[in-house]
Amino acid sequence: MTSVLDEPRSLASTSASDRLRSTMAAARLSFNWLGVRKSLTSEQKTQAADSFDAESKYLSASKKLIDTTHPVFKAVTSVRSRAVSYWKTVSLPYPEPGLRLIKREIIGDFNKQMEVFRDELAIAVSELDLHFAEMREAARVRLGDLFDVSDYPATLVDEFAITHDFPAVEPPNYLRQLNPEVYESECRRVQSRFVEAVELAEQAFLEELAKLVEHLTERIAGQEDGKPKVFRDTAVTNLNEFFDRFRSLNIGSNEQLDQLVSQARAAVNGIGPQELRTSEQLRQSVSTRMVAVQAGLDQLLVDRPRRNIQRRPR
């Protein structure tokens, strides 16, 4: 049962979900990627099990086909990592596996950046393909009798790909006339998804800010051997990047969160990492203000209703 005290929050969430629904699009990032491991055959598992006096059906075993630590292979996986990072940076979570929400106004920029990643991937894969024969021969030596040339494609050119699309999350219009009752049911389902998306966005922002604030506070307030702890520039720059992303993606669904982000931004506004390293007074000032922010974040995290809407990373 919803209490009177719950109504303002509920209305704010509904308004935010409507804004999400009218301004955002679902974006999906997909990959075609070379498998680098392969399960052993039944005969190979039986042979492995015999060496341990075990039953093969209770044994799970695979072989690694190529050296994934090779620089040219790492260059390929780096492109994928950067594509995923970009996708997540410009988007908000959505409670459907593999989907995130991006602003409709940046779809053009998103398309262009994906093309950049595809071009980079093609170059990296071409370089990997030049070394593929030697990497396969190295695997022959490492795998011994487990090596099977048929496990490997003739070329790697078509074994890697990055694709993206913008799947529809709204109910199709044809349902409105074919079956109005089903259409209305689908509209309610989609609306509930966007309400969940608001909550997921708030949770993600809260947890990320809390982690960044805690890290910076711990580094600038603590000491090691009577001296201030050493901290990397990223302790500050990551916070500033968060502020930029929050400003871009914030949907105004939580006034308390907005206020805490503003307090954290004001605490480090215009302050560089080197200034914090050289000024004890500045460290104390920032630390005091960040501790207050941290307390507010902790309370907000505790007060948030716990709903089972967490899903695997997208």
Protein backbone atom coordinates (compact mmCIF):
# COMPACT_ATOMS: atom_id res chain seq x y z
CA MET A 1 0.00 0.00 0.00
CA THR A 2 1.37 3.43 -0.96
CA SER A 3 1.44 5.98 1.81
CA VAL A 4 0.98 9.74 1.47
CA LEU A 5 4.69 10.15 2.15
CA ASP A 6 5.47 7.95 -0.84
CA GLU A 7 3.39 9.97 -3.30
CA PRO A 8 5.87 12.82 -4.11
CA ARG A 9 8.65 10.31 -4.79
CA SER A 10 6.30 8.17 -6.88
CA LEU A 11 5.20 11.18 -8.93
CA ALA A 12 8.79 12.30 -9.42
CA SER A 13 9.73 8.82 -10.62
CA THR A 14 6.80 8.72 -13.04
CA SER A 15 7.70 12.13 -14.45
CA ALA A 16 11.32 11.06 -14.89
CA SER A 17 10.27 7.81 -16.57
CA ASP A 18 8.10 9.78 -19.00
CA ARG A 19 11.07 12.01 -19.82
CA LEU A 20 13.22 8.95 -20.42
CA ARG A 21 10.60 7.43 -22.63
CA SER A 22 10.19 10.54 -24.77
CA THR A 23 13.87 11.51 -25.14
CA MET A 24 15.84 8.27 -25.13
CA ALA A 25 16.33 5.35 -27.52
CA ALA A 26 17.44 1.82 -26.78
CA ALA A 27 20.90 1.01 -28.12
CA ARG A 28 22.37 -2.47 -28.36
CA LEU A 29 26.01 -3.35 -28.92
CA SER A 30 26.88 -6.80 -30.25
CA PHE A 31 30.08 -8.63 -31.08
CA ASN A 32 31.13 -11.50 -33.29
CA TRP A 33 34.32 -12.76 -31.68
CA LEU A 34 36.74 -15.59 -32.28
CA GLY A 35 36.43 -18.31 -29.65
CA VAL A 36 39.82 -18.81 -28.01
CA ARG A 37 38.91 -21.91 -26.02
CA LYS A 38 37.46 -25.23 -27.06
CA SER A 39 36.15 -28.11 -25.00
CA LEU A 40 38.10 -31.33 -25.10
CA THR A 41 36.59 -34.25 -26.96
CA SER A 42 35.03 -37.12 -25.03
CA GLU A 43 38.11 -39.23 -25.65
CA GLN A 44 40.42 -36.48 -24.43
CA LYS A 45 38.33 -35.96 -21.29
CA THR A 46 38.36 -39.67 -20.61
CA GLN A 47 42.13 -39.72 -20.94
CA ALA A 48 42.44 -36.72 -18.61
CA ALA A 49 40.04 -38.25 -16.11
CA ASP A 50 41.95 -41.53 -16.08
CA SER A 51 45.09 -39.74 -14.91
CA PHE A 52 43.17 -38.60 -11.83
CA ASP A 53 41.17 -41.81 -11.43
CA ALA A 54 38.00 -39.76 -12.01
CA GLU A 55 34.86 -40.21 -14.08
CA SER A 56 34.96 -38.19 -17.28
CA LYS A 57 31.32 -37.07 -17.02
CA TYR A 58 32.24 -35.16 -13.87
CA LEU A 59 35.19 -33.46 -15.54
CA SER A 60 35.02 -30.19 -17.44
CA ALA A 61 38.10 -29.37 -19.51
CA SER A 62 39.02 -27.08 -22.38
CA LYS A 63 42.09 -26.03 -24.33
CA LYS A 64 43.30 -22.54 -25.09
CA LEU A 65 43.72 -22.18 -28.83
CA ILE A 66 45.96 -19.11 -29.03
CA ASP A 67 47.98 -16.86 -26.77
CA THR A 68 45.57 -14.07 -25.78
CA THR A 69 48.40 -12.16 -24.09
CA HIS A 70 50.11 -11.54 -27.42
CA PRO A 71 50.26 -7.77 -28.10
CA VAL A 72 48.42 -8.01 -31.42
CA PHE A 73 45.56 -9.96 -29.85
CA LYS A 74 45.39 -7.52 -26.94
CA ALA A 75 45.14 -4.69 -29.46
CA VAL A 76 42.02 -6.36 -30.88
CA THR A 77 40.38 -6.84 -27.49
CA SER A 78 41.27 -3.26 -26.59
CA VAL A 79 38.98 -2.01 -29.35
CA ARG A 80 36.10 -4.04 -27.95
CA SER A 81 36.75 -2.76 -24.43
CA ARG A 82 36.79 0.84 -25.60
CA ALA A 83 33.59 0.36 -27.60
CA VAL A 84 31.81 -1.07 -24.54
CA SER A 85 33.18 1.70 -22.34
CA TYR A 86 31.96 4.39 -24.75
CA TRP A 87 28.51 2.75 -25.03
CA LYS A 88 28.15 2.71 -21.25
CA THR A 89 29.54 6.22 -20.81
CA VAL A 90 26.92 7.85 -23.04
CA SER A 91 23.98 5.75 -21.89
CA LEU A 92 21.81 4.75 -18.96
CA PRO A 93 20.91 1.20 -17.90
CA TYR A 94 17.66 -0.38 -19.08
CA PRO A 95 16.10 -3.45 -17.44
CA GLU A 96 16.43 -5.69 -20.49
CA PRO A 97 19.62 -7.70 -21.10
CA GLY A 98 21.92 -6.11 -23.66
CA LEU A 99 20.03 -2.81 -23.93
CA ARG A 100 20.94 0.66 -22.69
CA LEU A 101 19.29 4.04 -23.24
CA ILE A 102 20.95 6.86 -25.15
CA LYS A 103 19.68 10.34 -25.95
CA ARG A 104 18.01 10.41 -29.33
CA GLU A 105 19.90 13.60 -30.14
CA ILE A 106 23.26 11.81 -30.03
CA ILE A 107 22.30 8.85 -32.24
CA GLY A 108 24.21 10.40 -35.14
CA ASP A 109 27.35 10.84 -33.04
CA PHE A 110 26.93 7.33 -31.66
CA ASN A 111 26.77 5.90 -35.19
CA LYS A 112 29.90 7.78 -36.21
CA GLN A 113 31.84 6.59 -33.16
CA MET A 114 30.82 2.99 -33.79
CA GLU A 115 32.14 3.35 -37.33
CA VAL A 116 35.44 4.59 -35.88
CA PHE A 117 35.62 1.52 -33.66
CA ARG A 118 34.82 -0.76 -36.60
CA ASP A 119 37.62 0.80 -38.64
CA GLU A 120 40.05 0.43 -35.73
CA LEU A 121 38.97 -3.18 -35.28
CA ALA A 122 39.55 -3.95 -38.98
CA ILE A 123 43.09 -2.57 -38.75
CA ALA A 124 43.83 -4.47 -35.52
CA VAL A 125 42.44 -7.73 -36.95
CA SER A 126 44.51 -7.33 -40.12
CA GLU A 127 47.63 -7.01 -37.96
CA LEU A 128 46.57 -10.02 -35.92
CA ASP A 129 46.02 -12.03 -39.08
CA LEU A 130 49.61 -11.35 -40.15
CA HIS A 131 50.82 -13.05 -36.96
CA PHE A 132 48.16 -15.76 -36.94
CA ALA A 133 50.29 -18.47 -38.55
CA GLU A 134 53.10 -18.08 -36.02
CA MET A 135 50.60 -17.97 -33.14
CA ARG A 136 49.02 -21.19 -34.42
CA GLU A 137 52.43 -22.86 -34.60
CA ALA A 138 53.16 -21.74 -31.04
CA ALA A 139 49.87 -23.32 -29.98
CA ARG A 140 50.92 -26.56 -31.72
CA VAL A 141 54.00 -26.68 -29.49
CA ARG A 142 52.10 -25.77 -26.31
CA LEU A 143 49.11 -28.06 -26.84
CA GLY A 144 51.03 -31.13 -28.02
CA ASP A 145 48.61 -33.95 -28.82
CA LEU A 146 45.65 -31.70 -28.06
CA PHE A 147 46.45 -29.52 -31.07
CA ASP A 148 44.01 -29.87 -33.97
CA VAL A 149 44.51 -27.69 -37.03
CA SER A 150 40.76 -27.90 -37.79
CA ASP A 151 40.11 -25.80 -34.66
CA TYR A 152 41.52 -22.78 -36.48
CA PRO A 153 40.00 -20.76 -39.34
CA ALA A 154 42.09 -20.15 -42.45
CA THR A 155 41.99 -16.40 -41.81
CA LEU A 156 40.82 -14.13 -39.01
CA VAL A 157 39.49 -11.36 -41.25
CA ASP A 158 35.83 -12.37 -40.79
CA GLU A 159 36.11 -13.66 -37.24
CA PHE A 160 35.67 -10.33 -35.45
CA ALA A 161 32.93 -7.74 -35.81
CA ILE A 162 31.23 -4.95 -33.88
CA THR A 163 27.59 -4.23 -34.67
CA HIS A 164 24.98 -2.01 -33.11
CA ASP A 165 21.30 -1.32 -33.54
CA PHE A 166 18.41 0.55 -31.96
CA PRO A 167 15.73 -2.03 -31.13
CA ALA A 168 12.19 -0.78 -30.54
CA VAL A 169 11.01 -0.99 -26.95
CA GLU A 170 7.61 0.59 -27.52
CA PRO A 171 4.64 -1.66 -28.37
CA PRO A 172 4.04 -1.87 -32.15
CA ASN A 173 1.26 0.35 -33.46
CA TYR A 174 -0.46 -2.52 -35.29
CA LEU A 175 -1.44 -3.96 -31.91
CA ARG A 176 -3.58 -0.91 -31.21
CA GLN A 177 -6.10 -1.95 -33.87
CA LEU A 178 -5.55 -5.70 -33.91
CA ASN A 179 -5.91 -6.16 -30.17
CA PRO A 180 -6.39 -3.00 -28.08
CA GLU A 181 -6.36 -4.96 -24.83
CA VAL A 182 -2.96 -6.48 -25.57
CA TYR A 183 -1.71 -3.09 -26.74
CA GLU A 184 -2.70 -1.45 -23.47
CA SER A 185 -1.08 -4.27 -21.54
CA GLU A 186 2.14 -3.78 -23.48
CA CYS A 187 2.02 -0.03 -22.84
CA ARG A 188 1.80 -0.69 -19.10
CA ARG A 189 4.67 -3.15 -19.33
CA VAL A 190 6.88 -0.66 -21.16
CA GLN A 191 5.98 2.08 -18.69
CA SER A 192 7.02 -0.15 -15.79
CA ARG A 193 10.31 -0.85 -17.57
CA PHE A 194 11.07 2.85 -17.78
CA VAL A 195 10.20 3.31 -14.11
CA GLU A 196 12.74 0.57 -13.38
CA ALA A 197 15.21 2.30 -15.70
CA VAL A 198 14.93 5.46 -13.58
CA GLU A 199 15.70 3.45 -10.45
CA LEU A 200 18.60 1.67 -12.12
CA ALA A 201 20.04 5.01 -13.26
CA GLU A 202 19.78 6.47 -9.76
CA GLN A 203 21.36 3.37 -8.26
CA ALA A 204 24.23 3.46 -10.76
CA PHE A 205 24.91 7.16 -10.18
CA LEU A 206 24.71 6.76 -6.40
CA GLU A 207 27.05 3.80 -6.25
CA GLU A 208 29.58 5.31 -8.66
CA LEU A 209 29.69 8.65 -6.85
CA ALA A 210 29.94 6.95 -3.45
CA LYS A 211 32.88 4.88 -4.67
CA LEU A 212 34.69 7.90 -6.16
CA VAL A 213 34.11 10.07 -3.09
CA GLU A 214 35.22 7.32 -0.73
CA HIS A 215 38.39 6.72 -2.73
CA LEU A 216 39.37 10.38 -2.90
CA THR A 217 38.60 10.95 0.79
CA GLU A 218 40.64 7.92 1.82
CA ARG A 219 43.63 9.02 -0.25
CA ILE A 220 43.73 12.68 0.83
CA ALA A 221 42.81 12.17 4.50
CA GLY A 222 44.94 9.14 5.30
CA GLN A 223 48.65 8.94 6.00
CA GLU A 224 51.42 6.42 5.50
CA ASP A 225 54.53 6.63 7.69
CA GLY A 226 53.45 10.08 8.89
CA LYS A 227 53.15 11.44 5.35
CA PRO A 228 50.09 12.08 3.17
CA LYS A 229 49.11 9.05 1.10
CA VAL A 230 50.11 9.07 -2.55
CA PHE A 231 47.21 9.25 -4.97
CA ARG A 232 46.91 9.23 -8.72
CA ASP A 233 45.49 12.06 -10.79
CA THR A 234 42.52 9.82 -11.62
CA ALA A 235 41.24 10.19 -8.05
CA VAL A 236 40.26 13.71 -9.09
CA THR A 237 39.87 13.44 -12.85
CA ASN A 238 37.46 10.48 -12.57
CA LEU A 239 35.25 12.60 -10.33
CA ASN A 240 35.22 15.43 -12.86
CA GLU A 241 34.37 12.98 -15.64
CA PHE A 242 31.51 11.69 -13.51
CA PHE A 243 30.19 15.24 -13.05
CA ASP A 244 30.21 15.80 -16.82
CA ARG A 245 28.40 12.52 -17.45
CA PHE A 246 25.88 13.20 -14.70
CA ARG A 247 25.18 16.66 -16.15
CA SER A 248 24.61 15.09 -19.57
CA LEU A 249 22.49 12.10 -18.52
CA ASN A 250 20.80 13.23 -15.32
CA ILE A 251 17.01 12.94 -15.58
CA GLY A 252 16.22 15.02 -12.51
CA SER A 253 14.51 12.18 -10.69
CA ASN A 254 16.14 12.60 -7.29
CA GLU A 255 16.62 16.03 -5.74
CA GLN A 256 18.78 14.67 -2.91
CA LEU A 257 21.14 13.05 -5.37
CA ASP A 258 21.32 16.27 -7.39
CA GLN A 259 22.25 18.21 -4.25
CA LEU A 260 24.96 15.72 -3.25
CA VAL A 261 26.49 15.80 -6.72
CA SER A 262 26.51 19.61 -6.55
CA GLN A 263 28.21 19.51 -3.13
CA ALA A 264 30.85 17.07 -4.36
CA ARG A 265 31.47 19.17 -7.48
CA ALA A 266 31.83 22.34 -5.40
CA ALA A 267 34.32 20.60 -3.09
CA VAL A 268 36.81 19.96 -5.90
CA ASN A 269 35.83 22.69 -8.33
CA GLY A 270 38.93 24.19 -9.94
CA ILE A 271 41.29 22.09 -7.81
CA GLY A 272 43.93 20.02 -9.56
CA PRO A 273 45.57 16.83 -8.25
CA GLN A 274 48.93 18.55 -7.76
CA GLU A 275 47.36 21.27 -5.63
CA LEU A 276 45.94 18.62 -3.32
CA ARG A 277 49.33 16.97 -3.06
CA THR A 278 51.16 20.15 -2.07
CA SER A 279 48.61 21.85 0.22
CA GLU A 280 47.69 20.21 3.51
CA GLN A 281 45.14 22.92 4.21
CA LEU A 282 43.45 22.27 0.87
CA ARG A 283 43.40 18.51 1.52
CA GLN A 284 41.76 19.04 4.90
CA SER A 285 39.16 21.38 3.42
CA VAL A 286 38.27 19.00 0.58
CA SER A 287 38.29 16.01 2.92
CA THR A 288 35.87 17.68 5.35
CA ARG A 289 33.44 18.55 2.58
CA MET A 290 33.70 15.11 0.99
CA VAL A 291 33.05 13.37 4.31
CA ALA A 292 29.75 15.29 4.51
CA VAL A 293 28.90 14.21 0.96
CA GLN A 294 29.82 10.64 1.79
CA ALA A 295 27.51 10.66 4.81
CA GLY A 296 24.65 11.91 2.66
CA LEU A 297 25.31 9.25 0.02
CA ASP A 298 25.45 6.51 2.63
CA GLN A 299 22.11 7.61 4.04
CA LEU A 300 20.55 7.83 0.61
CA LEU A 301 21.76 4.34 -0.25
CA VAL A 302 20.33 2.97 3.01
CA ASP A 303 16.99 4.71 2.51
CA ARG A 304 16.50 3.48 -1.03
CA PRO A 305 13.87 0.74 -1.37
CA ARG A 306 15.40 -2.60 -2.25
CA ARG A 307 13.86 -4.05 -5.37
CA ASN A 308 15.01 -7.12 -7.16
CA ILE A 309 15.79 -5.34 -10.41
CA GLN A 310 19.52 -5.98 -10.60
CA ARG A 311 20.57 -7.86 -13.68
CA ARG A 312 23.82 -9.05 -15.21
CA PRO A 313 26.18 -6.31 -16.46
CA ARG A 314 25.15 -4.81 -19.76
